Amino acid sequence: MKIQKTWVFLSVMLLAAIPRVDNLRAEELSSRETEKQLTRWEYYDQYARWSFGANIGLPFFRGNFQSNAYDKLHWGFMPDIQVGYQFTPLIGTRINVGYAQAKTGAKSYEQDYWLDRYGWADYRVTPLDGSMQYKDLYSKVRVLDFALHADINLNNLFSPEKSSGHRWTVFISPGLYFQKFFSDVYTKSDDKQFSREHYNPLTVGLGGEAMLRWKVAKSIDLQARYGINWIHQNNFDGIECYRPRNNSNFMTHFSVGVVWKIKAKTKKKDHLVYAPRYVAPPKERVIDTVVVKMEPVIVERTVEKEVEKPVWYQMPHVYFLRGSSEIDTEAYAKELKSILNLLKAMKDTKVSIYGYGDHTGSNSVNEKLTQKRAEAMRDYLIKNGIPESRIEEVKGMGKDKILFGEEAYSVKARRVEIVR
C-alpha cells in the first residue's frame, strides 16, 4: 500500500515538473457591416405622387376676331380640373380637362371688313346683300379643352438639395392641346345670331404653361398658371376666310386653383415635388472591425489564466451644431471618455481624424468648417494626453456623401470620425 501511494506521488510530481506553455495565437478577423441603403425607387416611394386640382381662370383668343377688340377688352371664364402624377422630383405629367367661353371683336385695322350671312369674310368691292361690317359684329367662342403636359420642376433642376425646404415651386410645362370649338357670330345692336356655325373639326396644337405653386399645408397647394397654345384653324371664332391657315391664331389664359396632394399627409412624408433629388449611396459601406482571440495559457502546474489585451472598436462620433466647430464637452462627455480610454490603452495605434458637414451652405464654406472640426478634435486629444505623433492625418471632408435625403441636413452629418 505504501509502495502504491509513493508511486502516485512521484507521478504527480513528474507531471508538475514539466512546464506546459502554449504559444499565444492571435487571429485578426475582418467583418463587414453593410448598412441598408434605399434604392432610388424605394426613396421616391416615401413620398406621395398623385395630385388632383381645380382651377378657374380667364381665357383670351386671337383669330380673325380677338378678345382685345378695337372698342373694348372682352372677358370670359374658364373652369378646369387636373390630375397629376410625379415620376421623380424633377419630372411629372398632368392632364387638364376644361371648358372656356369668351367674346371676341374686330381688330382696330379690320373694322371695315365685311362678313356675309354665311360667315365668310367678303373682300369684294361690292359686298353681298345682307353683309355686315366687322365693327358691328362680335363672336361668342366656346371650346372644350383637353391638355397633356410634362411638368418640369425648376426648383429641383437648379437647387435639388434645398427642395425640401421650399414652400413654393416653379414649373415649366410644355403641352399638347386637343380642342373642339363651337362659335357663333352675333350683331352688336340686338344680340341676334348673324351667321350659322361653321363645322369645326377637332384641333390639335402645341403650347405650354408657366406655373407657380405654393405649399399652404402638407396636403394642399395653391397655384397660379399662365399658358398659351396655338390654334391651327382659321374659323375657330366663327369667321371663315379664303386665306391659307393662319399660324398666328392662339389662345392664352391665366388661372388660379387649389391642388390636393393625395396621401401626402396621411401616409407619406410629403409630395414628391418637394423631395430633394436622390443621391445614389455607395455600393457598400465597410466598417473594419479587429477581433483578437486569445487561447488560454497554462502557467506552471495547473494554474490557468487568460491573457487580456485591448480590442479596437469603432469610435463613437462627436456631433456639432450647424455652423460651429466647438466641441460640446458636457454633452459628449461619455463619448470623449471612451475615445481617450481606447487610445491610451492601445498606445501603438495611430489614427486619422476626419470632419464632415451637412448639405447646408456652399462647398467652400463646408470645407473650411469641417477642417476646423477635425482640428478641434485633434487639439482636444493632445490636450488630454494623446501624443501628436500618433495622429497621422487631420482633414475636413466637406459635405457628407454617405447620408442622403433629410438626414443629409441633420446633425448626423455634422460630425467628426476617428479611424485607424
Protein backbone atom coordinates (compact mmCIF):
# COMPACT_ATOMS: atom_id res chain seq x y z
CA MET A 1 0.00 0.00 0.00
CA LYS A 2 2.86 2.35 0.85
CA ILE A 3 4.56 1.50 -2.45
CA GLN A 4 1.33 2.39 -4.39
CA LYS A 5 0.97 5.77 -2.65
CA THR A 6 4.65 6.51 -3.25
CA TRP A 7 4.22 5.76 -6.99
CA VAL A 8 1.22 8.08 -7.34
CA PHE A 9 3.04 10.88 -5.52
CA LEU A 10 6.11 10.56 -7.79
CA SER A 11 3.89 10.58 -10.93
CA VAL A 12 2.16 13.82 -9.87
CA MET A 13 5.46 15.49 -9.10
CA LEU A 14 6.87 14.44 -12.51
CA LEU A 15 3.89 15.91 -14.40
CA ALA A 16 4.08 19.13 -12.42
CA ALA A 17 7.78 19.47 -13.18
CA ILE A 18 7.20 19.51 -16.93
CA PRO A 19 6.08 23.09 -17.86
CA ARG A 20 3.39 23.24 -20.50
CA VAL A 21 3.27 26.65 -22.16
CA ASP A 22 1.08 27.08 -25.20
CA ASN A 23 2.11 29.65 -27.74
CA LEU A 24 -0.12 32.70 -27.81
CA ARG A 25 -2.04 32.70 -31.07
CA ALA A 26 -3.79 35.90 -32.21
CA GLU A 27 -6.12 35.85 -35.14
CA GLU A 28 -7.25 39.05 -36.83
CA LEU A 29 -10.68 38.79 -38.38
CA SER A 30 -12.29 41.29 -40.71
CA SER A 31 -16.03 41.69 -40.68
CA ARG A 32 -18.11 43.76 -42.99
CA GLU A 33 -21.20 45.52 -41.92
CA THR A 34 -23.33 46.60 -44.83
CA GLU A 35 -25.82 49.26 -43.93
CA LYS A 36 -29.24 49.16 -45.52
CA GLN A 37 -29.45 51.86 -48.20
CA LEU A 38 -32.63 52.82 -50.02
CA THR A 39 -32.73 52.36 -53.77
CA ARG A 40 -33.89 55.21 -55.98
CA TRP A 41 -37.48 53.94 -56.24
CA GLU A 42 -37.68 53.00 -52.56
CA TYR A 43 -36.65 56.57 -51.78
CA TYR A 44 -39.30 58.00 -54.14
CA ASP A 45 -41.98 55.71 -52.68
CA GLN A 46 -41.66 57.51 -49.33
CA TYR A 47 -43.43 60.46 -50.98
CA ALA A 48 -46.88 60.95 -52.49
CA ARG A 49 -47.04 61.03 -56.29
CA TRP A 50 -50.68 61.72 -57.26
CA SER A 51 -52.47 65.07 -57.11
CA PHE A 52 -55.87 66.44 -58.04
CA GLY A 53 -56.76 70.08 -58.63
CA ALA A 54 -59.50 72.52 -59.64
CA ASN A 55 -58.91 75.88 -61.34
CA ILE A 56 -60.82 78.94 -62.52
CA GLY A 57 -59.38 81.42 -65.00
CA LEU A 58 -59.68 83.96 -67.77
CA PRO A 59 -59.28 82.93 -71.46
CA PHE A 60 -58.24 85.25 -74.30
CA PHE A 61 -58.44 84.46 -78.04
CA ARG A 62 -56.82 85.83 -81.18
CA GLY A 63 -58.03 84.93 -84.66
CA ASN A 64 -60.00 86.89 -87.26
CA PHE A 65 -61.62 88.43 -84.19
CA GLN A 66 -59.81 88.80 -80.87
CA SER A 67 -60.62 89.31 -77.19
CA ASN A 68 -58.81 92.67 -77.17
CA ALA A 69 -61.15 94.26 -79.73
CA TYR A 70 -60.87 97.78 -81.13
CA ASP A 71 -63.54 99.09 -78.74
CA LYS A 72 -63.13 97.01 -75.55
CA LEU A 73 -61.48 94.06 -73.87
CA HIS A 74 -63.87 91.10 -73.69
CA TRP A 75 -63.65 88.98 -70.54
CA GLY A 76 -64.55 85.30 -70.33
CA PHE A 77 -64.28 82.40 -67.91
CA MET A 78 -62.51 79.04 -67.94
CA PRO A 79 -63.02 76.32 -65.28
CA ASP A 80 -60.98 73.13 -65.45
CA ILE A 81 -59.83 70.17 -63.38
CA GLN A 82 -56.45 68.47 -63.37
CA VAL A 83 -54.88 65.15 -62.40
CA GLY A 84 -51.11 64.94 -61.93
CA TYR A 85 -48.54 62.19 -61.37
CA GLN A 86 -44.93 62.84 -60.33
CA PHE A 87 -42.34 60.37 -61.69
CA THR A 88 -39.35 61.99 -59.93
CA PRO A 89 -38.85 65.26 -58.03
CA LEU A 90 -37.84 66.79 -61.38
CA ILE A 91 -40.37 65.38 -63.88
CA GLY A 92 -44.13 64.83 -63.71
CA THR A 93 -47.13 64.67 -66.02
CA ARG A 94 -50.50 66.37 -65.81
CA ILE A 95 -53.85 66.16 -67.62
CA ASN A 96 -56.24 69.14 -67.69
CA VAL A 97 -59.86 68.92 -68.86
CA GLY A 98 -61.84 72.14 -69.07
CA TYR A 99 -64.25 74.48 -70.79
CA ALA A 100 -63.68 78.09 -71.89
CA GLN A 101 -66.01 80.78 -73.15
CA ALA A 102 -65.39 84.39 -74.20
CA LYS A 103 -66.48 87.04 -76.68
CA THR A 104 -64.23 88.40 -79.42
CA GLY A 105 -64.49 91.50 -81.63
CA ALA A 106 -62.88 93.22 -84.60
CA LYS A 107 -59.28 94.38 -84.58
CA SER A 108 -58.67 98.10 -84.94
CA TYR A 109 -57.37 97.77 -88.53
CA GLU A 110 -60.20 95.42 -89.65
CA GLN A 111 -63.26 97.37 -88.55
CA ASP A 112 -64.36 98.00 -92.14
CA TYR A 113 -64.05 94.37 -93.31
CA TRP A 114 -67.31 92.70 -94.37
CA LEU A 115 -68.84 89.37 -93.34
CA ASP A 116 -71.62 87.74 -95.38
CA ARG A 117 -74.62 85.86 -93.97
CA TYR A 118 -72.83 82.52 -94.37
CA GLY A 119 -69.97 83.52 -92.12
CA TRP A 120 -67.40 84.13 -94.89
CA ALA A 121 -65.16 87.17 -94.98
CA ASP A 122 -66.19 89.27 -98.02
CA TYR A 123 -63.29 91.10 -99.68
CA ARG A 124 -65.17 92.24 -102.81
CA VAL A 125 -65.57 95.89 -103.65
CA THR A 126 -69.35 95.49 -103.55
CA PRO A 127 -70.26 93.05 -100.77
CA LEU A 128 -73.17 90.63 -100.97
CA ASP A 129 -76.58 91.71 -99.79
CA GLY A 130 -77.04 91.21 -96.08
CA SER A 131 -73.30 91.51 -95.30
CA MET A 132 -72.25 93.48 -92.24
CA GLN A 133 -69.00 95.14 -91.25
CA TYR A 134 -66.77 93.56 -88.62
CA LYS A 135 -67.15 96.54 -86.29
CA ASP A 136 -70.90 95.84 -85.96
CA LEU A 137 -70.45 92.17 -85.00
CA TYR A 138 -68.96 90.04 -82.26
CA SER A 139 -68.26 86.33 -81.90
CA LYS A 140 -69.00 84.08 -78.95
CA VAL A 141 -66.26 81.44 -78.75
CA ARG A 142 -66.77 78.26 -76.74
CA VAL A 143 -64.26 75.44 -76.50
CA LEU A 144 -63.87 72.05 -74.84
CA ASP A 145 -60.23 71.61 -73.93
CA PHE A 146 -58.08 68.55 -73.17
CA ALA A 147 -54.37 69.13 -72.50
CA LEU A 148 -51.49 66.79 -71.70
CA HIS A 149 -48.47 68.43 -70.00
CA ALA A 150 -44.97 67.45 -68.96
CA ASP A 151 -44.19 69.35 -65.71
CA ILE A 152 -40.51 70.28 -65.20
CA ASN A 153 -39.72 71.34 -61.62
CA LEU A 154 -37.24 74.25 -61.94
CA ASN A 155 -36.54 74.32 -58.18
CA ASN A 156 -35.31 70.74 -58.28
CA LEU A 157 -33.46 71.32 -61.54
CA PHE A 158 -31.36 74.25 -60.22
CA SER A 159 -31.38 73.65 -56.44
CA PRO A 160 -32.07 69.94 -55.76
CA GLU A 161 -30.50 69.87 -52.28
CA LYS A 162 -32.82 72.60 -50.93
CA SER A 163 -36.12 71.41 -52.49
CA SER A 164 -37.40 70.03 -49.19
CA GLY A 165 -37.06 73.46 -47.55
CA HIS A 166 -39.04 75.37 -50.16
CA ARG A 167 -42.70 76.27 -49.76
CA TRP A 168 -43.01 77.38 -53.39
CA THR A 169 -42.21 75.61 -56.64
CA VAL A 170 -41.94 76.86 -60.25
CA PHE A 171 -42.80 74.65 -63.22
CA ILE A 172 -42.34 74.96 -66.97
CA SER A 173 -44.86 72.70 -68.71
CA PRO A 174 -44.80 72.07 -72.49
CA GLY A 175 -48.11 70.60 -73.61
CA LEU A 176 -50.21 69.05 -76.34
CA TYR A 177 -53.74 70.51 -76.67
CA PHE A 178 -56.85 68.87 -78.13
CA GLN A 179 -59.66 71.42 -78.64
CA LYS A 180 -63.18 71.38 -80.02
CA PHE A 181 -64.62 74.84 -80.81
CA PHE A 182 -68.27 75.94 -81.03
CA SER A 183 -68.60 79.56 -82.18
CA ASP A 184 -71.38 81.86 -83.45
CA VAL A 185 -71.36 85.44 -84.75
CA TYR A 186 -73.89 87.95 -83.36
CA THR A 187 -74.89 91.52 -84.13
CA LYS A 188 -74.00 94.16 -81.55
CA SER A 189 -77.22 96.08 -81.98
CA ASP A 190 -79.68 93.37 -80.91
CA ASP A 191 -77.52 90.33 -79.91
CA LYS A 192 -79.13 88.20 -82.61
CA GLN A 193 -77.27 85.42 -84.40
CA PHE A 194 -75.89 86.76 -87.67
CA SER A 195 -74.35 83.72 -89.34
CA ARG A 196 -74.63 79.99 -88.87
CA GLU A 197 -71.99 77.96 -87.14
CA HIS A 198 -69.22 76.51 -89.31
CA TYR A 199 -68.01 72.95 -88.98
CA ASN A 200 -65.03 72.91 -86.65
CA PRO A 201 -63.06 69.67 -86.53
CA LEU A 202 -61.02 68.64 -83.51
CA THR A 203 -57.93 70.85 -83.39
CA VAL A 204 -54.54 69.60 -82.16
CA GLY A 205 -51.90 72.16 -81.25
CA LEU A 206 -48.76 72.75 -79.23
CA GLY A 207 -48.32 75.13 -76.32
CA GLY A 208 -47.15 75.37 -72.75
CA GLU A 209 -47.60 76.85 -69.30
CA ALA A 210 -45.61 78.54 -66.56
CA MET A 211 -46.93 77.54 -63.14
CA LEU A 212 -46.22 78.71 -59.59
CA ARG A 213 -47.30 76.50 -56.67
CA TRP A 214 -47.32 77.49 -53.00
CA LYS A 215 -47.47 74.89 -50.21
CA VAL A 216 -50.01 76.07 -47.63
CA ALA A 217 -50.29 72.67 -45.90
CA LYS A 218 -48.79 69.21 -46.20
CA SER A 219 -51.67 68.07 -48.41
CA ILE A 220 -52.77 71.35 -50.03
CA ASP A 221 -51.09 73.67 -52.56
CA LEU A 222 -52.30 76.88 -54.16
CA GLN A 223 -51.26 77.50 -57.75
CA ALA A 224 -51.27 80.18 -60.44
CA ARG A 225 -50.87 79.35 -64.15
CA TYR A 226 -50.24 81.28 -67.34
CA GLY A 227 -50.49 79.40 -70.62
CA ILE A 228 -50.58 79.80 -74.38
CA ASN A 229 -51.39 77.39 -77.20
CA TRP A 230 -51.56 77.78 -80.96
CA ILE A 231 -54.84 77.09 -82.79
CA HIS A 232 -54.25 75.57 -86.22
CA GLN A 233 -57.64 76.53 -87.59
CA ASN A 234 -58.93 79.70 -89.28
CA ASN A 235 -62.62 79.56 -88.42
CA PHE A 236 -62.44 78.70 -84.71
CA ASP A 237 -64.05 82.10 -83.95
CA GLY A 238 -66.96 81.56 -86.40
CA ILE A 239 -65.43 83.51 -89.32
CA GLU A 240 -64.32 81.64 -92.42
CA CYS A 241 -61.87 83.24 -94.85
CA TYR A 242 -60.13 82.34 -98.10
CA ARG A 243 -56.56 82.86 -96.98
CA PRO A 244 -54.36 79.88 -96.02
CA ARG A 245 -54.30 78.61 -92.46
CA ASN A 246 -53.12 81.37 -90.14
CA ASN A 247 -50.44 80.27 -87.68
CA SER A 248 -50.88 83.44 -85.62
CA ASN A 249 -54.19 82.21 -84.14
CA PHE A 250 -53.77 81.38 -80.46
CA MET A 251 -55.43 81.20 -77.07
CA THR A 252 -53.91 82.39 -73.79
CA HIS A 253 -55.20 82.00 -70.27
CA PHE A 254 -54.46 82.95 -66.69
CA SER A 255 -55.93 80.85 -63.86
CA VAL A 256 -55.65 80.16 -60.15
CA GLY A 257 -56.55 76.95 -58.33
CA VAL A 258 -56.19 74.51 -55.46
CA VAL A 259 -54.22 71.24 -55.62
CA TRP A 260 -54.84 68.31 -53.29
CA LYS A 261 -51.73 66.11 -52.88
CA ILE A 262 -53.22 62.65 -52.41
CA LYS A 263 -51.84 60.73 -49.36
CA ALA A 264 -49.20 63.41 -48.70
CA LYS A 265 -50.50 63.87 -45.15
CA THR A 266 -51.86 60.51 -44.05
CA LYS A 267 -49.40 58.03 -45.48
CA LYS A 268 -46.32 59.70 -46.95
CA LYS A 269 -43.59 62.17 -45.98
CA ASP A 270 -44.72 64.87 -48.42
CA HIS A 271 -45.37 65.18 -52.13
CA LEU A 272 -42.51 64.11 -54.40
CA VAL A 273 -42.37 67.64 -55.86
CA TYR A 274 -40.79 68.84 -52.58
CA ALA A 275 -38.33 65.94 -52.14
CA PRO A 276 -34.57 66.53 -52.51
CA ARG A 277 -33.09 64.87 -55.56
CA TYR A 278 -32.00 61.27 -54.91
CA VAL A 279 -28.26 60.83 -54.28
CA ALA A 280 -27.02 57.33 -55.04
CA PRO A 281 -25.32 55.81 -51.98
CA PRO A 282 -22.02 53.95 -52.26
CA LYS A 283 -22.47 50.30 -53.15
CA GLU A 284 -21.19 49.20 -49.78
CA ARG A 285 -20.20 50.92 -46.57
CA VAL A 286 -17.45 48.86 -44.94
CA ILE A 287 -16.56 49.14 -41.29
CA ASP A 288 -13.38 47.22 -40.40
CA THR A 289 -13.54 45.54 -37.02
CA VAL A 290 -10.50 43.89 -35.41
CA VAL A 291 -11.22 40.96 -33.12
CA VAL A 292 -8.33 39.46 -31.15
CA LYS A 293 -8.94 35.90 -29.97
CA MET A 294 -6.77 34.55 -27.17
CA GLU A 295 -6.23 30.95 -26.28
CA PRO A 296 -5.70 30.21 -22.59
CA VAL A 297 -2.11 29.98 -21.36
CA ILE A 298 -1.29 27.43 -18.69
CA VAL A 299 1.47 28.72 -16.45
CA GLU A 300 3.30 26.32 -14.19
CA ARG A 301 1.44 23.36 -12.88
CA THR A 302 -2.33 23.59 -13.04
CA VAL A 303 -2.81 27.40 -12.88
CA GLU A 304 -4.87 28.54 -15.92
CA LYS A 305 -5.02 32.25 -16.79
CA GLU A 306 -6.49 34.25 -19.70
CA VAL A 307 -4.30 37.00 -21.12
CA GLU A 308 -6.42 40.02 -21.98
CA LYS A 309 -5.45 42.69 -24.45
CA PRO A 310 -7.41 45.76 -25.52
CA VAL A 311 -9.66 45.35 -28.58
CA TRP A 312 -10.10 48.12 -31.14
CA TYR A 313 -13.69 49.01 -31.85
CA GLN A 314 -15.42 51.69 -33.87
CA MET A 315 -15.01 55.05 -32.18
CA PRO A 316 -18.17 56.90 -31.11
CA HIS A 317 -18.93 60.03 -33.13
CA VAL A 318 -18.95 63.56 -31.79
CA TYR A 319 -21.54 65.88 -33.38
CA PHE A 320 -21.67 69.66 -33.83
CA LEU A 321 -24.22 72.45 -34.03
CA ARG A 322 -24.85 73.88 -37.50
CA GLY A 323 -22.09 76.34 -38.42
CA SER A 324 -20.00 75.51 -35.30
CA SER A 325 -16.65 73.77 -34.80
CA GLU A 326 -16.71 73.88 -30.99
CA ILE A 327 -16.83 70.51 -29.18
CA ASP A 328 -19.57 70.32 -26.54
CA THR A 329 -17.54 68.51 -23.86
CA GLU A 330 -20.50 68.30 -21.46
CA ALA A 331 -22.99 66.82 -23.94
CA TYR A 332 -20.43 64.32 -25.28
CA ALA A 333 -18.51 63.60 -22.07
CA LYS A 334 -19.24 59.86 -22.25
CA GLU A 335 -18.14 59.58 -25.90
CA LEU A 336 -14.95 61.60 -25.33
CA LYS A 337 -14.02 59.49 -22.31
CA SER A 338 -14.49 56.31 -24.33
CA ILE A 339 -12.25 57.68 -27.11
CA LEU A 340 -9.47 58.66 -24.70
CA ASN A 341 -9.59 55.34 -22.83
CA LEU A 342 -9.22 53.33 -26.02
CA LEU A 343 -6.39 55.45 -27.41
CA LYS A 344 -4.50 55.31 -24.11
CA ALA A 345 -4.98 51.53 -23.89
CA MET A 346 -3.71 50.96 -27.46
CA LYS A 347 -0.58 53.09 -27.24
CA ASP A 348 0.97 51.94 -30.53
CA THR A 349 -2.09 52.65 -32.67
CA LYS A 350 -2.02 55.67 -34.97
CA VAL A 351 -5.24 57.36 -36.06
CA SER A 352 -6.69 59.84 -38.57
CA ILE A 353 -9.36 62.45 -37.84
CA TYR A 354 -11.97 63.44 -40.45
CA GLY A 355 -14.55 66.21 -40.18
CA TYR A 356 -17.91 66.24 -42.01
CA GLY A 357 -20.69 68.78 -42.62
CA ASP A 358 -24.33 68.73 -43.72
CA HIS A 359 -25.64 69.92 -47.10
CA THR A 360 -26.45 73.42 -45.88
CA GLY A 361 -24.25 76.11 -47.39
CA SER A 362 -21.73 76.10 -50.22
CA ASN A 363 -18.91 73.59 -50.75
CA SER A 364 -16.18 76.13 -49.90
CA VAL A 365 -17.83 77.08 -46.60
CA ASN A 366 -18.26 73.41 -45.60
CA GLU A 367 -14.66 72.52 -46.48
CA LYS A 368 -13.31 75.22 -44.15
CA LEU A 369 -15.82 74.40 -41.39
CA THR A 370 -15.14 70.65 -41.43
CA GLN A 371 -11.37 71.27 -41.35
CA LYS A 372 -11.87 73.31 -38.17
CA ARG A 373 -13.95 70.50 -36.65
CA ALA A 374 -11.22 67.94 -37.34
CA GLU A 375 -8.57 70.28 -35.87
CA ALA A 376 -10.73 70.88 -32.78
CA MET A 377 -10.80 67.12 -32.09
CA ARG A 378 -7.03 66.88 -32.65
CA ASP A 379 -6.41 69.70 -30.14
CA TYR A 380 -8.70 68.04 -27.61
CA LEU A 381 -6.84 64.71 -27.85
CA ILE A 382 -3.42 66.35 -27.49
CA LYS A 383 -4.63 68.40 -24.53
CA ASN A 384 -5.79 65.19 -22.83
CA GLY A 385 -2.55 63.23 -23.16
CA ILE A 386 -2.55 61.72 -26.65
CA PRO A 387 0.83 62.38 -28.38
CA GLU A 388 0.57 64.41 -31.59
CA SER A 389 2.87 61.89 -33.30
CA ARG A 390 0.07 59.30 -33.14
CA ILE A 391 -2.24 61.48 -35.28
CA GLU A 392 -1.39 60.84 -38.93
CA GLU A 393 -3.99 62.96 -40.74
CA VAL A 394 -6.43 65.74 -39.84
CA LYS A 395 -8.75 66.59 -42.74
CA GLY A 396 -12.07 68.30 -43.41
CA MET A 397 -14.12 66.27 -45.91
CA GLY A 398 -16.75 68.93 -46.69
CA LYS A 399 -20.34 67.83 -47.23
CA ASP A 400 -21.15 64.28 -46.12
CA LYS A 401 -21.53 61.97 -49.15
CA ILE A 402 -22.96 58.93 -47.34
CA LEU A 403 -26.18 60.31 -45.87
CA PHE A 404 -28.99 61.43 -48.17
CA GLY A 405 -32.48 62.85 -48.05
CA GLU A 406 -33.47 64.61 -44.81
CA GLU A 407 -30.53 63.05 -42.90
CA ALA A 408 -28.10 64.96 -45.15
CA TYR A 409 -29.32 68.16 -43.42
CA SER A 410 -29.44 66.70 -39.90
CA VAL A 411 -26.96 66.61 -37.00
CA LYS A 412 -25.87 63.13 -38.16
CA ALA A 413 -23.94 64.78 -41.00
CA ARG A 414 -22.18 67.34 -38.75
CA ARG A 415 -19.64 65.06 -37.05
CA VAL A 416 -16.02 64.04 -36.51
CA GLU A 417 -14.82 60.45 -37.09
CA ILE A 418 -11.62 58.90 -35.70
CA VAL A 419 -10.34 55.88 -37.63
CA ARG A 420 -7.20 53.75 -37.67
